[in-house]
Protein backbone atom coordinates (compact mmCIF):
# COMPACT_ATOMS: atom_id res chain seq x y z
CA MET A 1 22.17 15.18 -4.21
CA SER A 2 18.94 17.19 -4.20
CA LEU A 3 15.97 15.01 -3.23
CA VAL A 4 13.48 16.93 -5.39
CA GLY A 5 12.01 15.87 -8.71
CA ASN A 6 9.09 15.94 -11.13
CA TRP A 7 8.33 12.45 -12.42
CA SER A 8 5.83 11.09 -14.95
CA TYR A 9 6.08 7.39 -14.12
CA PRO A 10 3.69 5.78 -13.50
CA THR A 11 1.80 9.10 -13.16
CA THR A 12 2.65 12.72 -12.43
CA ILE A 13 4.59 12.85 -9.13
CA LYS A 14 5.70 16.04 -7.42
CA PHE A 15 8.42 14.81 -5.10
CA GLY A 16 10.31 16.71 -2.44
CA PRO A 17 10.19 18.40 0.98
CA GLY A 18 7.63 21.20 1.28
CA ARG A 19 5.77 20.39 -1.93
CA ILE A 20 2.42 20.08 -0.17
CA THR A 21 2.18 23.83 -0.81
CA GLU A 22 1.66 22.95 -4.49
CA LEU A 23 -1.64 21.22 -3.76
CA PRO A 24 -3.77 24.03 -5.25
CA GLU A 25 -1.79 23.82 -8.51
CA ALA A 26 -2.29 20.05 -8.49
CA CYS A 27 -6.04 20.56 -8.14
CA ALA A 28 -6.00 22.94 -11.10
CA ALA A 29 -4.04 20.43 -13.20
CA ALA A 30 -6.62 17.75 -12.36
CA GLY A 31 -9.54 20.06 -13.06
CA ILE A 32 -10.74 20.02 -9.43
CA LYS A 33 -12.43 23.15 -8.07
CA LYS A 34 -14.25 21.73 -5.05
CA PRO A 35 -12.22 18.83 -3.59
CA LEU A 36 -13.17 16.46 -0.79
CA LEU A 37 -10.15 15.47 1.30
CA VAL A 38 -10.53 11.85 2.41
CA THR A 39 -8.38 10.60 5.27
CA ASP A 40 -8.55 8.26 8.26
CA LYS A 41 -9.91 8.98 11.74
CA GLY A 42 -6.50 9.16 13.36
CA LEU A 43 -5.14 11.77 10.95
CA ALA A 44 -8.17 14.05 10.77
CA SER A 45 -7.34 16.27 13.74
CA LEU A 46 -3.54 16.23 13.46
CA PRO A 47 -1.64 19.42 12.56
CA VAL A 48 -0.40 17.97 9.25
CA THR A 49 -4.00 17.53 8.06
CA GLN A 50 -5.22 20.88 9.37
CA ALA A 51 -2.28 22.62 7.68
CA THR A 52 -3.23 20.95 4.40
CA LEU A 53 -6.83 22.11 4.77
CA ASP A 54 -5.51 25.61 5.45
CA ILE A 55 -3.64 25.50 2.11
CA LEU A 56 -6.82 24.49 0.30
CA GLU A 57 -8.94 27.12 2.02
CA ALA A 58 -6.44 29.90 1.31
CA ALA A 59 -6.62 28.97 -2.38
CA GLY A 60 -10.42 29.19 -2.42
CA LEU A 61 -10.88 25.43 -2.60
CA GLY A 62 -12.75 25.03 0.69
CA ARG A 63 -11.73 22.73 3.54
CA ALA A 64 -14.12 19.79 3.16
CA ILE A 65 -12.98 16.60 4.86
CA PHE A 66 -14.31 13.06 5.26
CA SER A 67 -12.54 10.92 7.86
CA GLU A 68 -14.85 8.04 8.78
CA VAL A 69 -12.27 5.58 7.51
CA ASP A 70 -11.33 2.45 9.45
CA PRO A 71 -7.77 0.99 9.45
CA ASN A 72 -9.08 -1.73 7.11
CA PRO A 73 -11.67 0.31 5.15
CA ASN A 74 -14.92 -1.38 4.23
CA GLU A 75 -17.99 -0.86 2.08
CA LYS A 76 -19.77 1.01 4.90
CA ASN A 77 -16.97 3.58 5.04
CA LEU A 78 -17.20 3.79 1.24
CA ALA A 79 -20.94 4.37 1.19
CA ALA A 80 -20.60 7.14 3.79
CA GLY A 81 -17.77 8.72 1.81
CA VAL A 82 -19.72 8.69 -1.45
CA ALA A 83 -22.71 10.21 0.37
CA ALA A 84 -20.52 13.01 1.72
CA TYR A 85 -19.01 13.57 -1.74
CA THR A 86 -22.42 13.79 -3.38
CA ALA A 87 -24.00 15.96 -0.68
CA GLY A 88 -21.11 18.41 -0.84
CA GLY A 89 -21.28 18.78 -4.61
CA HIS A 90 -17.61 17.88 -4.95
CA ASP A 91 -15.81 17.39 -8.26
CA GLY A 92 -12.72 15.48 -7.17
CA VAL A 93 -10.98 13.73 -4.28
CA ILE A 94 -7.75 14.36 -2.43
CA ALA A 95 -6.80 10.94 -1.00
CA PHE A 96 -4.66 11.81 2.03
CA GLY A 97 -2.86 9.58 4.51
CA GLY A 98 -1.64 6.02 4.74
CA GLY A 99 -3.01 3.02 2.90
CA SER A 100 -6.50 3.21 4.40
CA GLY A 101 -7.09 6.88 3.56
CA LEU A 102 -5.55 6.53 0.11
CA ASP A 103 -7.48 3.37 -0.75
CA LEU A 104 -10.84 4.70 0.41
CA GLY A 105 -10.31 8.11 -1.16
CA LYS A 106 -9.62 6.51 -4.52
CA MET A 107 -12.76 4.38 -4.19
CA VAL A 108 -14.94 7.39 -3.28
CA ALA A 109 -13.83 9.02 -6.53
CA PHE A 110 -14.37 5.77 -8.42
CA MET A 111 -17.80 4.93 -7.02
CA SER A 112 -19.22 8.46 -6.96
CA GLY A 113 -20.65 8.01 -10.46
CA GLN A 114 -21.24 4.25 -10.63
CA THR A 115 -24.61 2.50 -10.42
CA ARG A 116 -23.39 -1.04 -9.71
CA PRO A 117 -22.16 -2.25 -6.29
CA VAL A 118 -18.43 -1.99 -5.65
CA TRP A 119 -18.01 -5.79 -5.55
CA ASP A 120 -18.90 -5.90 -9.26
CA PHE A 121 -15.51 -4.32 -9.99
CA GLU A 122 -13.31 -6.81 -8.17
CA ASP A 123 -9.96 -7.52 -9.84
CA ILE A 124 -11.19 -10.62 -11.67
CA GLY A 125 -10.71 -10.94 -15.41
CA ASP A 126 -12.14 -7.93 -17.20
CA TRP A 127 -14.66 -6.97 -14.50
CA TRP A 128 -13.16 -3.46 -14.49
CA THR A 129 -14.75 -2.87 -17.89
CA ARG A 130 -18.15 -2.90 -16.19
CA ALA A 131 -17.44 0.57 -14.79
CA ASP A 132 -18.48 3.83 -16.42
CA ALA A 133 -15.00 5.26 -16.96
CA GLU A 134 -16.33 8.74 -17.72
CA ALA A 135 -18.02 8.90 -14.31
CA ILE A 136 -14.78 8.42 -12.33
CA ALA A 137 -13.86 11.65 -10.55
CA PRO A 138 -10.28 12.98 -10.69
CA ILE A 139 -7.98 11.93 -7.86
CA ILE A 140 -4.99 13.59 -6.22
CA ALA A 141 -3.01 11.39 -3.80
CA VAL A 142 -0.95 12.70 -0.89
CA PRO A 143 0.73 9.91 1.12
CA THR A 144 1.66 10.60 4.74
CA THR A 145 3.32 7.22 5.27
CA ALA A 146 5.94 5.36 3.25
CA GLY A 147 4.72 1.85 2.66
CA THR A 148 1.62 0.88 0.71
CA GLY A 149 2.41 2.86 -2.42
CA SER A 150 -1.33 3.18 -3.01
CA GLU A 151 -0.64 6.68 -4.33
CA VAL A 152 0.69 5.13 -7.56
CA GLY A 153 -1.71 2.19 -7.70
CA ARG A 154 -4.66 1.42 -9.96
CA ALA A 155 -6.57 -0.48 -7.28
CA SER A 156 -7.79 -0.31 -3.70
CA VAL A 157 -8.29 -2.97 -1.05
CA ILE A 158 -11.75 -2.87 0.53
CA THR A 159 -12.90 -5.27 3.26
CA ASN A 160 -16.35 -6.82 3.00
CA SER A 161 -17.65 -6.25 6.53
CA GLU A 162 -20.09 -9.18 6.27
CA THR A 163 -17.75 -11.87 4.95
CA HIS A 164 -14.50 -10.42 6.39
CA ALA A 165 -12.87 -10.86 2.99
CA LYS A 166 -10.51 -8.27 1.54
CA LYS A 167 -11.31 -7.50 -2.09
CA ILE A 168 -9.07 -5.77 -4.61
CA ILE A 169 -11.06 -3.28 -6.69
CA PHE A 170 -9.29 -2.34 -9.94
CA HIS A 171 -9.66 0.18 -12.72
CA PRO A 172 -6.92 1.93 -14.75
CA LYS A 173 -8.49 5.34 -14.03
CA VAL A 174 -8.16 4.81 -10.28
CA LEU A 175 -4.51 5.77 -10.77
CA PRO A 176 -4.29 9.30 -9.31
CA THR A 177 -3.84 12.15 -11.78
CA VAL A 178 -1.28 13.90 -9.60
CA VAL A 179 0.71 12.63 -6.59
CA ILE A 180 2.41 14.87 -4.07
CA CYS A 181 5.17 13.03 -2.20
CA ASP A 182 6.34 15.38 0.54
CA PRO A 183 8.58 13.52 3.02
CA GLU A 184 8.00 16.23 5.63
CA LEU A 185 4.46 14.84 6.01
CA THR A 186 5.89 11.54 7.29
CA VAL A 187 8.08 13.00 10.04
CA GLY A 188 5.45 12.50 12.74
CA MET A 189 4.98 8.77 12.12
CA PRO A 190 5.57 6.75 15.31
CA LYS A 191 8.23 4.06 15.23
CA PHE A 192 5.88 1.09 14.92
CA ILE A 193 4.10 2.67 11.92
CA THR A 194 7.45 3.62 10.36
CA ALA A 195 8.55 -0.01 10.70
CA GLY A 196 5.29 -1.61 9.56
CA THR A 197 4.79 0.62 6.54
CA GLY A 198 8.45 0.41 5.55
CA LEU A 199 8.38 -3.37 5.68
CA ASP A 200 5.20 -3.31 3.60
CA ALA A 201 7.20 -1.56 0.87
CA PHE A 202 9.93 -4.18 1.30
CA ALA A 203 7.39 -7.02 0.98
CA HIS A 204 6.04 -5.49 -2.24
CA CYS A 205 9.53 -5.45 -3.71
CA VAL A 206 10.39 -8.97 -2.49
CA GLU A 207 7.21 -10.46 -3.91
CA ALA A 208 7.50 -8.61 -7.21
CA PHE A 209 11.11 -9.81 -7.53
CA SER A 210 9.96 -13.37 -6.73
CA SER A 211 7.04 -13.41 -9.15
CA PRO A 212 7.47 -15.75 -12.14
CA PHE A 213 5.90 -13.37 -14.65
CA TYR A 214 7.93 -11.52 -17.29
CA HIS A 215 8.30 -7.80 -16.54
CA PRO A 216 11.96 -6.68 -16.59
CA MET A 217 11.09 -3.07 -15.72
CA SER A 218 9.31 -4.14 -12.55
CA GLN A 219 12.14 -6.55 -11.74
CA GLY A 220 14.68 -3.74 -11.79
CA ILE A 221 12.48 -1.39 -9.77
CA ALA A 222 11.89 -4.11 -7.17
CA LEU A 223 15.60 -4.72 -6.72
CA GLU A 224 16.46 -1.06 -6.21
CA GLY A 225 13.42 -0.66 -3.95
CA MET A 226 14.76 -3.40 -1.68
CA ARG A 227 18.09 -1.59 -1.51
CA LEU A 228 16.47 1.70 -0.49
CA VAL A 229 14.51 0.02 2.30
CA LYS A 230 17.56 -1.88 3.52
CA ASP A 231 19.67 1.29 3.63
CA TYR A 232 17.18 3.89 4.81
CA LEU A 233 14.43 2.26 6.89
CA PRO A 234 16.78 1.77 9.87
CA ARG A 235 17.66 5.46 9.69
CA ALA A 236 14.02 6.58 9.49
CA TYR A 237 13.17 4.23 12.37
CA ALA A 238 16.01 5.55 14.53
CA ASP A 239 15.37 9.24 13.77
CA GLY A 240 12.00 10.24 12.41
CA THR A 241 13.29 13.71 11.53
CA ASP A 242 15.89 12.35 9.10
CA ILE A 243 14.45 13.91 5.95
CA GLU A 244 16.82 12.12 3.59
CA ALA A 245 15.78 8.74 5.02
CA ARG A 246 12.11 9.72 4.94
CA ALA A 247 12.42 10.83 1.31
CA GLN A 248 14.20 7.65 0.23
CA MET A 249 11.51 5.57 1.96
CA MET A 250 8.79 7.49 0.12
CA SER A 251 10.56 6.58 -3.13
CA ALA A 252 10.80 2.94 -2.05
CA ALA A 253 7.07 2.84 -1.27
CA ALA A 254 6.13 4.14 -4.71
CA MET A 255 8.64 1.79 -6.31
CA GLY A 256 7.21 -1.24 -4.50
CA ALA A 257 3.69 -0.51 -5.69
CA THR A 258 4.91 0.12 -9.22
CA ALA A 259 6.94 -3.09 -9.20
CA PHE A 260 4.11 -5.32 -8.05
CA GLN A 261 2.39 -4.84 -11.37
CA LYS A 262 4.56 -7.91 -12.00
CA GLY A 263 2.70 -9.81 -9.29
CA LEU A 264 2.38 -10.47 -5.58
CA GLY A 265 2.34 -13.85 -3.87
CA ALA A 266 1.81 -15.87 -0.71
CA ILE A 267 2.79 -13.07 1.68
CA HIS A 268 -0.15 -10.96 0.57
CA ALA A 269 -2.47 -13.91 0.04
CA MET A 270 -1.97 -14.74 3.72
CA SER A 271 -1.92 -11.18 5.00
CA HIS A 272 -5.21 -10.10 3.44
CA PRO A 273 -7.49 -12.58 5.25
CA ILE A 274 -5.52 -12.16 8.49
CA GLY A 275 -6.09 -8.42 8.37
CA ALA A 276 -9.76 -8.84 7.51
CA HIS A 277 -10.44 -11.26 10.39
CA PHE A 278 -8.06 -9.96 13.07
CA ASN A 279 -7.78 -6.28 12.06
CA THR A 280 -3.98 -6.44 12.10
CA HIS A 281 -1.69 -3.81 10.57
CA HIS A 282 -1.13 -4.87 6.97
CA GLY A 283 2.58 -4.11 6.67
CA THR A 284 3.40 -5.68 10.02
CA THR A 285 1.47 -8.80 9.04
CA ASN A 286 3.39 -8.99 5.76
CA ALA A 287 6.65 -8.77 7.69
CA VAL A 288 5.67 -11.61 10.03
CA CYS A 289 4.71 -13.84 7.08
CA MET A 290 7.81 -13.08 5.00
CA PRO A 291 10.37 -15.48 6.51
CA ALA A 292 8.05 -18.49 6.20
CA VAL A 293 7.13 -17.60 2.62
CA LEU A 294 10.77 -17.14 1.61
CA ALA A 295 11.57 -20.61 3.00
CA PHE A 296 8.58 -22.08 1.16
CA ASN A 297 9.52 -20.50 -2.17
CA ALA A 298 13.26 -21.24 -1.80
CA PRO A 299 13.44 -24.06 -4.40
CA VAL A 300 12.32 -21.65 -7.11
CA ILE A 301 13.68 -18.25 -6.06
CA ALA A 302 17.05 -19.07 -4.46
CA ASP A 303 19.10 -18.49 -7.62
CA ARG A 304 17.66 -15.07 -8.38
CA PHE A 305 18.10 -13.96 -4.77
CA ASP A 306 21.72 -15.10 -4.84
CA SER A 307 22.38 -12.29 -7.32
CA ALA A 308 20.05 -9.88 -5.51
CA ALA A 309 21.87 -10.46 -2.23
CA ALA A 310 25.16 -9.58 -3.90
CA TYR A 311 23.70 -6.32 -5.21
CA LEU A 312 22.25 -5.52 -1.79
CA GLY A 313 25.57 -6.16 -0.06
CA ILE A 314 24.23 -9.13 1.90
CA PRO A 315 26.69 -12.03 2.15
CA GLY A 316 25.62 -15.66 1.84
CA GLY A 317 23.31 -15.53 -1.19
CA PHE A 318 19.69 -16.53 -0.68
CA GLU A 319 20.25 -18.02 2.77
CA GLY A 320 22.04 -14.84 3.80
CA PHE A 321 19.10 -12.82 2.49
CA ARG A 322 16.61 -14.96 4.41
CA ALA A 323 18.61 -14.52 7.62
CA PHE A 324 18.84 -10.79 6.97
CA VAL A 325 15.03 -10.52 6.68
CA GLN A 326 14.50 -12.08 10.11
CA GLU A 327 17.20 -9.90 11.67
CA PHE A 328 15.74 -6.83 9.96
CA ASN A 329 12.31 -7.60 11.43
CA ASP A 330 13.80 -8.21 14.88
CA SER A 331 15.71 -4.92 14.83
CA MET A 332 12.42 -3.02 14.54
CA GLY A 333 10.41 -4.95 17.08
CA ILE A 334 8.32 -6.96 14.59
CA PRO A 335 6.75 -10.05 16.20
CA ARG A 336 8.16 -13.37 15.03
CA LYS A 337 4.88 -15.28 14.91
CA LEU A 338 1.30 -14.70 13.80
CA ALA A 339 0.20 -15.84 17.25
CA ASP A 340 1.75 -12.63 18.58
CA LEU A 341 -0.74 -10.73 16.40
CA GLY A 342 -3.66 -12.63 17.93
CA VAL A 343 -4.03 -15.30 15.24
CA THR A 344 -5.16 -18.66 16.64
CA ALA A 345 -4.72 -22.16 15.22
CA ASP A 346 -8.43 -22.89 15.12
CA ARG A 347 -8.93 -20.09 12.56
CA ILE A 348 -6.38 -21.43 10.06
CA PRO A 349 -8.94 -23.34 7.92
CA GLU A 350 -10.94 -20.12 7.58
CA LEU A 351 -7.82 -18.11 6.71
CA VAL A 352 -6.80 -20.70 4.10
CA LYS A 353 -10.22 -20.39 2.44
CA GLY A 354 -9.70 -16.64 2.18
CA ALA A 355 -6.11 -16.91 0.99
CA ILE A 356 -6.74 -19.42 -1.80
CA ILE A 357 -9.18 -17.07 -3.55
CA ASP A 358 -7.02 -13.96 -3.10
CA PRO A 359 -5.75 -12.56 -6.45
CA SER A 360 -2.22 -12.43 -5.02
CA CYS A 361 -2.05 -16.24 -5.21
CA GLY A 362 -1.49 -16.11 -8.93
CA GLY A 363 1.86 -14.34 -8.61
CA ASN A 364 3.49 -16.78 -6.25
CA PRO A 365 6.40 -18.67 -7.85
CA ILE A 366 5.12 -21.99 -6.48
CA GLU A 367 1.47 -22.80 -7.13
CA LEU A 368 -0.57 -22.36 -3.96
CA THR A 369 -3.06 -24.97 -2.79
CA GLU A 370 -5.16 -25.30 0.34
CA GLU A 371 -2.72 -27.95 1.54
CA ASN A 372 0.48 -25.92 1.21
CA LEU A 373 -1.22 -22.74 2.43
CA THR A 374 -2.23 -24.64 5.56
CA GLN A 375 1.42 -25.60 6.01
CA LEU A 376 2.46 -21.99 5.49
CA PHE A 377 0.01 -20.62 8.06
CA ASN A 378 1.15 -23.23 10.59
CA ALA A 379 4.81 -22.39 9.91
CA ALA A 380 4.13 -18.68 10.49
CA LEU A 381 1.85 -19.22 13.48
């Protein structure tokens, strides 16, 4: 089977090894003549980024880059990125990298023409309608990890550096115009990033599948996304040069982010404040929280995971699935407890306050309260 395709769901996706060479054509399709490539500090000097800049320069598109992006990007990073975009006279953004680079790049394009502060566009009700849609610059997304799926998302997560709260900023036009998914760009990921990002994709699929809302398309995508992670993440973790495994994980990442249009839940509601306060890796934090959340949601989700487990080839129904998740985490060196990530018991009340107002709460199959969230944090600690 050839792992190459051109897809139009949920946006235009150029998928396959070596397709980064099509970046100039993607810029032309998006109407971008002077792009700003936005990525994170760690990626900026790596060969994969320099080679991408070479492609842009050879096509007469310059080699402008902004890389002052923290692992959990914040409004200060965003302000600096918008300033660089404006000063350079750019007309579009190439969001390049993992979740942090993709999220901030999308927000630079979004905020470059807005007059209101970014917090005015938080994913609450119809706040997105406050934005000037015509002032949003075109976006091309190029993921270099396989996890967040931000390349096919209509939102970004930005941390408020003063309150240490993660905020989801949403607008339909934040969905990139063109996505280039080239699995060769992920070959250099170290094992712990391969594991953490891959389990992030798995968490997206698990929570979307668990969500009580009606969205059969997302339900089907979530189920197949779980299968791809189960089958191919161990291969990508064992051998980073396994292009088939890397490609299948890139598909799973995009599928997870597409599926969670159906909803997220307690895993992400917990993970967001933990990441904001303790600067933990998002996907790894999701993985640590997952076993406790599955146990908590069991009374409501067990039946649907009985059938999912059968499809995934996991014996024992829901309980077999729950045991598999813990074993899966263990096989890739994921810590078992939040305490191993530096989380301390005295901070739980503060984390609960952040979790209860997180938009992900609304998609959990059991209604979340400060009381049961406290129990969940203690169970995961």
